[in-house]
Structure formats: structure tokens, C-alpha cells
PDB file of N, CA and C in Angstrom:
ATOM      1  N   MET A   1     153.252 -38.330 185.868  1.00  0.00           N
ATOM      2  CA  MET A   1     152.368 -37.812 186.898  1.00  0.00           C
ATOM      3  C   MET A   1     151.285 -36.979 186.223  1.00  0.00           C
ATOM      4  N   GLY A   2     150.053 -37.327 186.421  1.00  0.00           N
ATOM      5  CA  GLY A   2     148.949 -36.620 185.788  1.00  0.00           C
ATOM      6  C   GLY A   2     148.451 -35.471 186.638  1.00  0.00           C
ATOM      7  N   PHE A   3     148.189 -34.370 185.993  1.00  0.00           N
ATOM      8  CA  PHE A   3     147.662 -33.199 186.680  1.00  0.00           C
ATOM      9  C   PHE A   3     146.239 -32.964 186.231  1.00  0.00           C
ATOM     10  N   ALA A   4     145.427 -32.417 187.124  1.00  0.00           N
ATOM     11  CA  ALA A   4     144.050 -32.057 186.804  1.00  0.00           C
ATOM     12  C   ALA A   4     143.848 -30.593 187.180  1.00  0.00           C
ATOM     13  N   ASP A   5     142.977 -29.904 186.438  1.00  0.00           N
ATOM     14  CA  ASP A   5     142.693 -28.500 186.748  1.00  0.00           C
ATOM     15  C   ASP A   5     142.198 -28.368 188.185  1.00  0.00           C
ATOM     16  N   LYS A   6     142.632 -27.298 188.866  1.00  0.00           N
ATOM     17  CA  LYS A   6     142.203 -27.019 190.235  1.00  0.00           C
ATOM     18  C   LYS A   6     141.619 -25.620 190.284  1.00  0.00           C
ATOM     19  N   THR A   7     140.612 -25.431 191.105  1.00  0.00           N
ATOM     20  CA  THR A   7     140.052 -24.108 191.327  1.00  0.00           C
ATOM     21  C   THR A   7     140.642 -23.574 192.628  1.00  0.00           C
ATOM     22  N   LEU A   8     141.266 -22.399 192.536  1.00  0.00           N
ATOM     23  CA  LEU A   8     141.884 -21.773 193.701  1.00  0.00           C
ATOM     24  C   LEU A   8     141.257 -20.409 193.936  1.00  0.00           C
ATOM     25  N   GLN A   9     141.453 -19.858 195.123  1.00  0.00           N
ATOM     26  CA  GLN A   9     140.920 -18.538 195.440  1.00  0.00           C
ATOM     27  C   GLN A   9     142.087 -17.568 195.619  1.00  0.00           C
ATOM     28  N   CYS A  10     141.984 -16.412 194.962  1.00  0.00           N
ATOM     29  CA  CYS A  10     143.025 -15.391 194.996  1.00  0.00           C
ATOM     30  C   CYS A  10     143.115 -14.770 196.392  1.00  0.00           C
ATOM     31  N   SER A  11     144.332 -14.662 196.912  1.00  0.00           N
ATOM     32  CA  SER A  11     144.521 -14.083 198.250  1.00  0.00           C
ATOM     33  C   SER A  11     144.362 -12.562 198.245  1.00  0.00           C
ATOM     34  N   ASP A  12     144.469 -11.926 197.079  1.00  0.00           N
ATOM     35  CA  ASP A  12     144.332 -10.470 197.003  1.00  0.00           C
ATOM     36  C   ASP A  12     142.887 -10.031 196.793  1.00  0.00           C
ATOM     37  N   CYS A  13     142.257 -10.538 195.738  1.00  0.00           N
ATOM     38  CA  CYS A  13     140.910 -10.059 195.402  1.00  0.00           C
ATOM     39  C   CYS A  13     139.798 -11.035 195.792  1.00  0.00           C
ATOM     40  N   GLY A  14     140.151 -12.262 196.138  1.00  0.00           N
ATOM     41  CA  GLY A  14     139.158 -13.248 196.556  1.00  0.00           C
ATOM     42  C   GLY A  14     138.467 -13.972 195.419  1.00  0.00           C
ATOM     43  N   ALA A  15     138.783 -13.634 194.186  1.00  0.00           N
ATOM     44  CA  ALA A  15     138.152 -14.281 193.029  1.00  0.00           C
ATOM     45  C   ALA A  15     138.672 -15.703 192.871  1.00  0.00           C
ATOM     46  N   LYS A  16     137.830 -16.554 192.333  1.00  0.00           N
ATOM     47  CA  LYS A  16     138.245 -17.925 192.054  1.00  0.00           C
ATOM     48  C   LYS A  16     138.879 -17.955 190.663  1.00  0.00           C
ATOM     49  N   PHE A  17     139.947 -18.750 190.544  1.00  0.00           N
ATOM     50  CA  PHE A  17     140.613 -18.906 189.256  1.00  0.00           C
ATOM     51  C   PHE A  17     141.060 -20.346 189.104  1.00  0.00           C
ATOM     52  N   THR A  18     141.289 -20.750 187.855  1.00  0.00           N
ATOM     53  CA  THR A  18     141.668 -22.123 187.557  1.00  0.00           C
ATOM     54  C   THR A  18     143.174 -22.234 187.406  1.00  0.00           C
ATOM     55  N   PHE A  19     143.736 -23.153 188.162  1.00  0.00           N
ATOM     56  CA  PHE A  19     145.159 -23.508 188.053  1.00  0.00           C
ATOM     57  C   PHE A  19     145.175 -24.727 187.140  1.00  0.00           C
ATOM     58  N   THR A  20     145.434 -24.489 185.846  1.00  0.00           N
ATOM     59  CA  THR A  20     145.281 -25.543 184.848  1.00  0.00           C
ATOM     60  C   THR A  20     146.338 -26.637 184.999  1.00  0.00           C
ATOM     61  N   ALA A  21     146.042 -27.774 184.392  1.00  0.00           N
ATOM     62  CA  ALA A  21     146.982 -28.892 184.410  1.00  0.00           C
ATOM     63  C   ALA A  21     148.289 -28.496 183.741  1.00  0.00           C
ATOM     64  N   GLU A  22     148.209 -27.715 182.663  1.00  0.00           N
ATOM     65  CA  GLU A  22     149.413 -27.249 181.971  1.00  0.00           C
ATOM     66  C   GLU A  22     150.260 -26.359 182.875  1.00  0.00           C
ATOM     67  N   GLU A  23     149.604 -25.437 183.618  1.00  0.00           N
ATOM     68  CA  GLU A  23     150.328 -24.578 184.542  1.00  0.00           C
ATOM     69  C   GLU A  23     150.979 -25.395 185.655  1.00  0.00           C
ATOM     70  N   GLN A  24     150.265 -26.394 186.147  1.00  0.00           N
ATOM     71  CA  GLN A  24     150.808 -27.258 187.205  1.00  0.00           C
ATOM     72  C   GLN A  24     152.042 -28.012 186.703  1.00  0.00           C
ATOM     73  N   GLU A  25     151.964 -28.487 185.474  1.00  0.00           N
ATOM     74  CA  GLU A  25     153.096 -29.184 184.875  1.00  0.00           C
ATOM     75  C   GLU A  25     154.294 -28.234 184.725  1.00  0.00           C
ATOM     76  N   PHE A  26     154.017 -26.989 184.307  1.00  0.00           N
ATOM     77  CA  PHE A  26     155.068 -25.973 184.185  1.00  0.00           C
ATOM     78  C   PHE A  26     155.703 -25.704 185.544  1.00  0.00           C
ATOM     79  N   TYR A  27     154.868 -25.509 186.576  1.00  0.00           N
ATOM     80  CA  TYR A  27     155.375 -25.245 187.928  1.00  0.00           C
ATOM     81  C   TYR A  27     156.236 -26.408 188.409  1.00  0.00           C
ATOM     82  N   ALA A  28     155.760 -27.630 188.199  1.00  0.00           N
ATOM     83  CA  ALA A  28     156.512 -28.811 188.636  1.00  0.00           C
ATOM     84  C   ALA A  28     157.840 -28.909 187.895  1.00  0.00           C
ATOM     85  N   GLY A  29     157.842 -28.599 186.606  1.00  0.00           N
ATOM     86  CA  GLY A  29     159.061 -28.636 185.813  1.00  0.00           C
ATOM     87  C   GLY A  29     160.094 -27.623 186.282  1.00  0.00           C
ATOM     88  N   ARG A  30     159.640 -26.528 186.838  1.00  0.00           N
ATOM     89  CA  ARG A  30     160.544 -25.488 187.355  1.00  0.00           C
ATOM     90  C   ARG A  30     160.963 -25.769 188.801  1.00  0.00           C
ATOM     91  N   GLY A  31     160.369 -26.788 189.408  1.00  0.00           N
ATOM     92  CA  GLY A  31     160.703 -27.123 190.786  1.00  0.00           C
ATOM     93  C   GLY A  31     159.903 -26.336 191.809  1.00  0.00           C
ATOM     94  N   TYR A  32     158.860 -25.624 191.367  1.00  0.00           N
ATOM     95  CA  TYR A  32     158.022 -24.871 192.300  1.00  0.00           C
ATOM     96  C   TYR A  32     157.134 -25.847 193.057  1.00  0.00           C
ATOM     97  N   THR A  33     157.058 -25.690 194.361  1.00  0.00           N
ATOM     98  CA  THR A  33     156.252 -26.610 195.164  1.00  0.00           C
ATOM     99  C   THR A  33     154.956 -25.972 195.648  1.00  0.00           C
ATOM    100  N   ASN A  34     154.873 -24.646 195.640  1.00  0.00           N
ATOM    101  CA  ASN A  34     153.663 -23.959 196.102  1.00  0.00           C
ATOM    102  C   ASN A  34     152.760 -23.604 194.928  1.00  0.00           C
ATOM    103  N   GLU A  35     151.475 -23.643 195.194  1.00  0.00           N
ATOM    104  CA  GLU A  35     150.501 -23.217 194.191  1.00  0.00           C
ATOM    105  C   GLU A  35     150.454 -21.694 194.190  1.00  0.00           C
ATOM    106  N   PRO A  36     150.029 -21.089 193.076  1.00  0.00           N
ATOM    107  CA  PRO A  36     149.945 -19.627 193.060  1.00  0.00           C
ATOM    108  C   PRO A  36     148.892 -19.135 194.048  1.00  0.00           C
ATOM    109  N   LYS A  37     149.170 -17.998 194.691  1.00  0.00           N
ATOM    110  CA  LYS A  37     148.224 -17.407 195.640  1.00  0.00           C
ATOM    111  C   LYS A  37     147.319 -16.401 194.961  1.00  0.00           C
ATOM    112  N   ARG A  38     147.801 -15.822 193.854  1.00  0.00           N
ATOM    113  CA  ARG A  38     147.067 -14.751 193.192  1.00  0.00           C
ATOM    114  C   ARG A  38     146.531 -15.211 191.830  1.00  0.00           C
ATOM    115  N   CYS A  39     145.409 -14.634 191.449  1.00  0.00           N
ATOM    116  CA  CYS A  39     144.851 -14.891 190.118  1.00  0.00           C
ATOM    117  C   CYS A  39     145.760 -14.224 189.086  1.00  0.00           C
ATOM    118  N   PRO A  40     145.656 -14.598 187.814  1.00  0.00           N
ATOM    119  CA  PRO A  40     146.527 -14.000 186.797  1.00  0.00           C
ATOM    120  C   PRO A  40     146.470 -12.472 186.770  1.00  0.00           C
ATOM    121  N   GLY A  41     145.315 -11.874 186.953  1.00  0.00           N
ATOM    122  CA  GLY A  41     145.194 -10.418 186.946  1.00  0.00           C
ATOM    123  C   GLY A  41     145.954  -9.773 188.101  1.00  0.00           C
ATOM    124  N   CYS A  42     145.815 -10.335 189.298  1.00  0.00           N
ATOM    125  CA  CYS A  42     146.519  -9.794 190.461  1.00  0.00           C
ATOM    126  C   CYS A  42     148.015 -10.063 190.377  1.00  0.00           C
ATOM    127  N   ARG A  43     148.393 -11.195 189.787  1.00  0.00           N
ATOM    128  CA  ARG A  43     149.832 -11.477 189.591  1.00  0.00           C
ATOM    129  C   ARG A  43     150.451 -10.422 188.682  1.00  0.00           C
ATOM    130  N   GLU A  44     149.753 -10.096 187.592  1.00  0.00           N
ATOM    131  CA  GLU A  44     150.254  -9.091 186.654  1.00  0.00           C
ATOM    132  C   GLU A  44     150.314  -7.720 187.317  1.00  0.00           C
ATOM    133  N   ALA A  45     149.294  -7.376 188.101  1.00  0.00           N
ATOM    134  CA  ALA A  45     149.278  -6.091 188.808  1.00  0.00           C
ATOM    135  C   ALA A  45     150.438  -6.017 189.797  1.00  0.00           C
ATOM    136  N   LYS A  46     150.695  -7.101 190.508  1.00  0.00           N
ATOM    137  CA  LYS A  46     151.796  -7.140 191.477  1.00  0.00           C
ATOM    138  C   LYS A  46     153.136  -7.013 190.759  1.00  0.00           C
ATOM    139  N   ARG A  47     153.268  -7.691 189.630  1.00  0.00           N
ATOM    140  CA  ARG A  47     154.510  -7.640 188.850  1.00  0.00           C
ATOM    141  C   ARG A  47     154.762  -6.222 188.335  1.00  0.00           C
ATOM    142  N   SER A  48     153.725  -5.561 187.810  1.00  0.00           N
ATOM    143  CA  SER A  48     153.919  -4.208 187.289  1.00  0.00           C
ATOM    144  C   SER A  48     154.160  -3.223 188.427  1.00  0.00           C
ATOM    145  N   GLN A  49     153.553  -3.462 189.588  1.00  0.00           N
ATOM    146  CA  GLN A  49     153.793  -2.612 190.754  1.00  0.00           C
ATOM    147  C   GLN A  49     155.263  -2.724 191.168  1.00  0.00           C
ATOM    148  N   TYR A  50     155.798  -3.915 191.149  1.00  0.00           N
ATOM    149  CA  TYR A  50     157.205  -4.131 191.485  1.00  0.00           C
ATOM    150  C   TYR A  50     158.111  -3.447 190.467  1.00  0.00           C
ATOM    151  N   ASN A  51     157.798  -3.622 189.187  1.00  0.00           N
ATOM    152  CA  ASN A  51     158.623  -3.010 188.135  1.00  0.00           C
ATOM    153  C   ASN A  51     158.560  -1.492 188.181  1.00  0.00           C
ATOM    154  N   ASN A  52     157.395  -0.925 188.502  1.00  0.00           N
ATOM    155  CA  ASN A  52     157.264   0.524 188.596  1.00  0.00           C
ATOM    156  C   ASN A  52     158.015   1.064 189.809  1.00  0.00           C
ATOM    157  N   ALA A  53     158.079   0.292 190.881  1.00  0.00           N
ATOM    158  CA  ALA A  53     158.780   0.720 192.091  1.00  0.00           C
ATOM    159  C   ALA A  53     160.276   0.829 191.842  1.00  0.00           C
ATOM    160  N   ARG A  54     160.777   0.044 190.920  1.00  0.00           N
ATOM    161  CA  ARG A  54     162.199   0.084 190.600  1.00  0.00           C
ATOM    162  C   ARG A  54     162.561   1.335 189.824  1.00  0.00           C
ATOM    163  N   GLY A  55     161.576   1.989 189.270  1.00  0.00           N
ATOM    164  CA  GLY A  55     161.817   3.228 188.530  1.00  0.00           C
ATOM    165  C   GLY A  55     162.082   2.960 187.070  1.00  0.00           C
ATOM    166  N   PRO A  56     161.902   3.993 186.278  1.00  0.00           N
ATOM    167  CA  PRO A  56     162.138   3.821 184.841  1.00  0.00           C
ATOM    168  C   PRO A  56     163.628   3.676 184.547  1.00  0.00           C
ATOM    169  N   ARG A  57     163.918   2.935 183.536  1.00  0.00           N
ATOM    170  CA  ARG A  57     165.312   2.783 183.138  1.00  0.00           C
ATOM    171  C   ARG A  57     165.736   4.040 182.399  1.00  0.00           C
ATOM    172  N   THR A  58     166.825   4.600 182.839  1.00  0.00           N
ATOM    173  CA  THR A  58     167.341   5.786 182.173  1.00  0.00           C
ATOM    174  C   THR A  58     168.627   5.409 181.472  1.00  0.00           C
ATOM    175  N   SER A  59     168.911   6.118 180.412  1.00  0.00           N
ATOM    176  CA  SER A  59     170.138   5.817 179.700  1.00  0.00           C
ATOM    177  C   SER A  59     171.307   6.409 180.465  1.00  0.00           C
ATOM    178  N   ARG A  60     172.430   5.757 180.378  1.00  0.00           N
ATOM    179  CA  ARG A  60     173.623   6.212 181.080  1.00  0.00           C
ATOM    180  C   ARG A  60     174.218   7.423 180.384  1.00  0.00           C
ATOM    181  N   GLN A  61     174.809   8.276 181.177  1.00  0.00           N
ATOM    182  CA  GLN A  61     175.538   9.393 180.607  1.00  0.00           C
ATOM    183  C   GLN A  61     176.899   8.861 180.179  1.00  0.00           C
ATOM    184  N   MET A  62     177.262   9.133 178.947  1.00  0.00           N
ATOM    185  CA  MET A  62     178.535   8.657 178.417  1.00  0.00           C
ATOM    186  C   MET A  62     179.547   9.796 178.423  1.00  0.00           C
ATOM    187  N   HIS A  63     180.821   9.441 178.621  1.00  0.00           N
ATOM    188  CA  HIS A  63     181.901  10.416 178.688  1.00  0.00           C
ATOM    189  C   HIS A  63     182.943  10.079 177.628  1.00  0.00           C
ATOM    190  N   ALA A  64     183.471  11.121 176.991  1.00  0.00           N
ATOM    191  CA  ALA A  64     184.501  10.928 175.968  1.00  0.00           C
ATOM    192  C   ALA A  64     185.820  10.563 176.644  1.00  0.00           C
ATOM    193  N   ALA A  65     186.570   9.667 175.996  1.00  0.00           N
ATOM    194  CA  ALA A  65     187.865   9.237 176.522  1.00  0.00           C
ATOM    195  C   ALA A  65     188.734   8.785 175.356  1.00  0.00           C
ATOM    196  N   VAL A  66     190.011   8.570 175.640  1.00  0.00           N
ATOM    197  CA  VAL A  66     190.946   8.048 174.646  1.00  0.00           C
ATOM    198  C   VAL A  66     191.532   6.768 175.238  1.00  0.00           C
ATOM    199  N   CYS A  67     191.466   5.686 174.479  1.00  0.00           N
ATOM    200  CA  CYS A  67     191.971   4.387 174.916  1.00  0.00           C
ATOM    201  C   CYS A  67     193.489   4.450 175.088  1.00  0.00           C
ATOM    202  N   VAL A  68     193.993   4.016 176.250  1.00  0.00           N
ATOM    203  CA  VAL A  68     195.442   4.045 176.497  1.00  0.00           C
ATOM    204  C   VAL A  68     196.169   2.943 175.734  1.00  0.00           C
ATOM    205  N   GLU A  69     195.443   1.931 175.281  1.00  0.00           N
ATOM    206  CA  GLU A  69     196.051   0.809 174.576  1.00  0.00           C
ATOM    207  C   GLU A  69     196.256   1.115 173.090  1.00  0.00           C
ATOM    208  N   CYS A  70     195.176   1.583 172.421  1.00  0.00           N
ATOM    209  CA  CYS A  70     195.252   1.790 170.971  1.00  0.00           C
ATOM    210  C   CYS A  70     195.160   3.255 170.554  1.00  0.00           C
ATOM    211  N   GLY A  71     194.814   4.145 171.480  1.00  0.00           N
ATOM    212  CA  GLY A  71     194.738   5.569 171.168  1.00  0.00           C
ATOM    213  C   GLY A  71     193.452   6.007 170.498  1.00  0.00           C
ATOM    214  N   LYS A  72     192.514   5.095 170.341  1.00  0.00           N
ATOM    215  CA  LYS A  72     191.245   5.405 169.684  1.00  0.00           C
ATOM    216  C   LYS A  72     190.331   6.183 170.630  1.00  0.00           C
ATOM    217  N   GLU A  73     189.576   7.150 170.077  1.00  0.00           N
ATOM    218  CA  GLU A  73     188.594   7.869 170.879  1.00  0.00           C
ATOM    219  C   GLU A  73     187.413   6.950 171.122  1.00  0.00           C
ATOM    220  N   CYS A  74     186.880   6.994 172.340  1.00  0.00           N
ATOM    221  CA  CYS A  74     185.750   6.130 172.688  1.00  0.00           C
ATOM    222  C   CYS A  74     184.883   6.843 173.712  1.00  0.00           C
ATOM    223  N   GLU A  75     183.750   6.233 174.033  1.00  0.00           N
ATOM    224  CA  GLU A  75     182.869   6.742 175.074  1.00  0.00           C
ATOM    225  C   GLU A  75     182.742   5.672 176.146  1.00  0.00           C
ATOM    226  N   VAL A  76     182.763   6.111 177.395  1.00  0.00           N
ATOM    227  CA  VAL A  76     182.666   5.178 178.520  1.00  0.00           C
ATOM    228  C   VAL A  76     181.554   5.651 179.462  1.00  0.00           C
ATOM    229  N   PRO A  77     180.923   4.723 180.205  1.00  0.00           N
ATOM    230  CA  PRO A  77     179.797   5.092 181.078  1.00  0.00           C
ATOM    231  C   PRO A  77     180.235   5.614 182.450  1.00  0.00           C
ATOM    232  N   PHE A  78     181.458   6.083 182.561  1.00  0.00           N
ATOM    233  CA  PHE A  78     181.953   6.653 183.817  1.00  0.00           C
ATOM    234  C   PHE A  78     182.845   7.842 183.481  1.00  0.00           C
ATOM    235  N   GLU A  79     183.081   8.689 184.448  1.00  0.00           N
ATOM    236  CA  GLU A  79     183.933   9.838 184.213  1.00  0.00           C
ATOM    237  C   GLU A  79     185.387   9.427 184.433  1.00  0.00           C
ATOM    238  N   PRO A  80     186.202   9.490 183.376  1.00  0.00           N
ATOM    239  CA  PRO A  80     187.606   9.086 183.507  1.00  0.00           C
ATOM    240  C   PRO A  80     188.345   9.965 184.519  1.00  0.00           C
ATOM    241  N   ARG A  81     189.225   9.328 185.298  1.00  0.00           N
ATOM    242  CA  ARG A  81     190.032  10.046 186.281  1.00  0.00           C
ATOM    243  C   ARG A  81     191.488  10.020 185.856  1.00  0.00           C
ATOM    244  N   GLU A  82     192.177  11.063 186.200  1.00  0.00           N
ATOM    245  CA  GLU A  82     193.586  11.143 185.876  1.00  0.00           C
ATOM    246  C   GLU A  82     194.337  10.055 186.646  1.00  0.00           C
ATOM    247  N   GLY A  83     195.268   9.415 185.960  1.00  0.00           N
ATOM    248  CA  GLY A  83     196.047   8.360 186.592  1.00  0.00           C
ATOM    249  C   GLY A  83     195.417   6.979 186.482  1.00  0.00           C
ATOM    250  N   ARG A  84     194.198   6.897 185.962  1.00  0.00           N
ATOM    251  CA  ARG A  84     193.514   5.609 185.798  1.00  0.00           C
ATOM    252  C   ARG A  84     193.387   5.315 184.310  1.00  0.00           C
ATOM    253  N   PRO A  85     193.808   4.134 183.857  1.00  0.00           N
ATOM    254  CA  PRO A  85     193.716   3.834 182.424  1.00  0.00           C
ATOM    255  C   PRO A  85     192.270   3.640 181.971  1.00  0.00           C
ATOM    256  N   VAL A  86     192.010   4.047 180.741  1.00  0.00           N
ATOM    257  CA  VAL A  86     190.699   3.849 180.120  1.00  0.00           C
ATOM    258  C   VAL A  86     190.933   3.093 178.825  1.00  0.00           C
ATOM    259  N   TYR A  87     190.131   2.061 178.591  1.00  0.00           N
ATOM    260  CA  TYR A  87     190.254   1.234 177.392  1.00  0.00           C
ATOM    261  C   TYR A  87     188.970   1.297 176.582  1.00  0.00           C
ATOM    262  N   CYS A  88     189.107   1.230 175.256  1.00  0.00           N
ATOM    263  CA  CYS A  88     187.926   1.094 174.401  1.00  0.00           C
ATOM    264  C   CYS A  88     187.374  -0.316 174.614  1.00  0.00           C
ATOM    265  N   SER A  89     186.188  -0.576 174.124  1.00  0.00           N
ATOM    266  CA  SER A  89     185.577  -1.881 174.386  1.00  0.00           C
ATOM    267  C   SER A  89     186.373  -3.035 173.771  1.00  0.00           C
ATOM    268  N   GLU A  90     186.972  -2.822 172.587  1.00  0.00           N
ATOM    269  CA  GLU A  90     187.754  -3.891 171.949  1.00  0.00           C
ATOM    270  C   GLU A  90     188.997  -4.229 172.788  1.00  0.00           C
ATOM    271  N   CYS A  91     189.727  -3.199 173.218  1.00  0.00           N
ATOM    272  CA  CYS A  91     190.935  -3.430 174.015  1.00  0.00           C
ATOM    273  C   CYS A  91     190.580  -4.008 175.381  1.00  0.00           C
ATOM    274  N   TYR A  92     189.503  -3.529 175.959  1.00  0.00           N
ATOM    275  CA  TYR A  92     189.078  -4.047 177.260  1.00  0.00           C
ATOM    276  C   TYR A  92     188.758  -5.540 177.162  1.00  0.00           C
ATOM    277  N   THR A  93     188.063  -5.935 176.104  1.00  0.00           N
ATOM    278  CA  THR A  93     187.731  -7.343 175.899  1.00  0.00           C
ATOM    279  C   THR A  93     188.995  -8.178 175.748  1.00  0.00           C
ATOM    280  N   LYS A  94     189.972  -7.688 174.972  1.00  0.00           N
ATOM    281  CA  LYS A  94     191.241  -8.412 174.798  1.00  0.00           C
ATOM    282  C   LYS A  94     191.970  -8.575 176.128  1.00  0.00           C
ATOM    283  N   ILE A  95     192.049  -7.485 176.887  1.00  0.00           N
ATOM    284  CA  ILE A  95     192.746  -7.511 178.175  1.00  0.00           C
ATOM    285  C   ILE A  95     192.038  -8.460 179.142  1.00  0.00           C
ATOM    286  N   LYS A  96     190.724  -8.391 179.179  1.00  0.00           N
ATOM    287  CA  LYS A  96     189.934  -9.229 180.083  1.00  0.00           C
ATOM    288  C   LYS A  96     190.103 -10.704 179.747  1.00  0.00           C
ATOM    289  N   SER A  97     190.104 -11.050 178.457  1.00  0.00           N
ATOM    290  CA  SER A  97     190.202 -12.459 178.052  1.00  0.00           C
ATOM    291  C   SER A  97     191.628 -13.004 178.237  1.00  0.00           C
ATOM    292  N   SER A  98     192.626 -12.113 178.200  1.00  0.00           N
ATOM    293  CA  SER A  98     194.007 -12.592 178.392  1.00  0.00           C
ATOM    294  C   SER A  98     194.359 -12.740 179.866  1.00  0.00           C
ATOM    295  N   GLY A  99     193.495 -12.220 180.749  1.00  0.00           N
ATOM    296  CA  GLY A  99     193.748 -12.326 182.167  1.00  0.00           C
ATOM    297  C   GLY A  99     194.702 -11.265 182.680  1.00  0.00           C
ATOM    298  N   ARG A 100     195.108 -10.358 181.827  1.00  0.00           N
ATOM    299  CA  ARG A 100     196.005  -9.277 182.218  1.00  0.00           C
ATOM    300  C   ARG A 100     195.217  -8.196 182.950  1.00  0.00           C
ATOM    301  N   LYS A 101     195.829  -7.604 183.947  1.00  0.00           N
ATOM    302  CA  LYS A 101     195.137  -6.532 184.694  1.00  0.00           C
ATOM    303  C   LYS A 101     195.803  -5.223 184.515  1.00  0.00           C
TER     304      LYS A 101
END
């Protein structure tokens, strides 16, 4: 199926932009059926607006713990509670892969 460049108008800023044959082929390969509504500049602005709305990524607070399986000191991204087992990452991976709970 041959694609040809198309000139489209941006729904946000009204500027005309080219929807290239390569872009059309990419869209078709991904199964997209709609043409883009926004020019590349407005698409990028919309994407960054969405990413900024989600807030900056902050690092998790880590808590010291002792693995109940091997006794090794480790850090976990949650506050350990009494009566609940805590595993280091190696033991947790082993337990998870063995299907044991």
C-alpha cells in the first residue's frame, strides 16, 4: 500500500503540517486508524503538559529491615510491621519463583 504526504491542519494552533508517507506507514503498522490532529510542536507541548501534570518522580523512602529467611539486613520501600515477614530481594525472588507464599 503506497502512502503519499498529506497536508493537515492542527486542531490546536491552526498551523498546517505535513503528515509524511513514512509517518503514515508507521501509524498503519501500529494499527492506528486516525490521522494526527496536532502538529508536532503541539503534540510535544501536550505530551509535556501531561507529564508535568503527573508530577515529578520522587525517590521512595527506604526503611531498614532484616530478612526473615536469611537474616541479612536489607532496605525495603515500605515500613515493616510487626507480625509481617520481610524478605530481602534475593529471598523474595526465590519465594516468588517457587510459588510459595
